Amino acid sequence: PSSVTLETAHGAEADAHVLRHLRAKHLEERAPGASRWAGEELPERAAAFVKGARERLEYAVCMARDATGAVVGCASSNVWEGPGSNNHSWQTLIKLGVVWGLHVDREQRERDAVAAALL
């Protein structure tokens, strides 16, 4: 969308936005255990996953910024790790990946196609 710019982000600022967006999405959807975001367990687990994914799984995050420079959305991606993941000889010829943690601030959802741009 013309009202947002996309950028690949790294480091502490990117991680903070990813965790903020995961928390917002978790609470919006009233996921089981949503109240645990008030404590340390889930944010710490998510931060540990991001750190490990950055080290082993080519983790990347794309952030969307509005015209003022505020981050209004993000999407994370990494090489898939799990059942069916790069564990057969033919899979060394390709990379299987996953996009996760897609979030767009509620007030931005109606005006622009930010989610589609992030994907």
Foldseek 3Di string as FASTA:
>chain_A
DVFKDKDKDDDDVQLVVLLVLVLVVCVVVVPVPNVCVVDDVPSVVSSVVQVVQVVPWVKIKMFIAGPVRHTFWMKIKTFDDDPPGCPDPVCVVDTHMDIDSTGGHPVVVVPDPVSVVND
